[in-house]
Amino acid sequence: MDSVVRPEEKDMDAGPEVLGEAFLKLEPTSAAQARGYISSWIGGDHPAYENVVLTTSELVTNAIVHSSRGRPHDLILLTLTRMADLLHLEVLDPGGTAWEPRPPEAVPDDGERGRGLAIVGEISRRRWGVHDHGPLGRTVWCDVDGIPAPAERPCG
């Protein structure tokens, strides 16, 4: 599914609209590739662009780090859907060890690990979650405001 969709501005009251889907490999370069897909789907001038790119990068990186390799379906499915004034991001990965994503109470000031879900939680205003599909994998999702509040600044 390497097709790229760049929607024209449409009525925000319409039903859910899939803006794009892409399969990614379980490898470190996939986070950058995912950011490229987001750019092509909503454009760099979209008001929520930086927030969506950052949450995408964090969720895809977590999928790469926490998924078991060697399964028949070693792919990540990235989906971005517009639902009213929200952008709904889903990252379906192969799953793996019993890992339940939980953000820390606050973003750690030191270290390079343990910050991703705290950042996702902050940007999404705690509108995120996990669906465990057993041997078929796991989906981590979040909702980002399609048009951030005027006082809001992208995290990062």
Foldseek 3Di string as FASTA:
>chain_A
DPDAAADDDDQLQDAKDWLDKDKAALDPCRLVVQLVNLCRSHNPVQQCSLQVNLLSSLVSVCLSVAADPDDPDRIWMWIWMRGRQKIKIKIWGQGDDPDADDQDPAQDPDDDPRRSVNLLCVQQVNAWGKDQPDRRTIMTMGIGGSHDDPVDDRDD
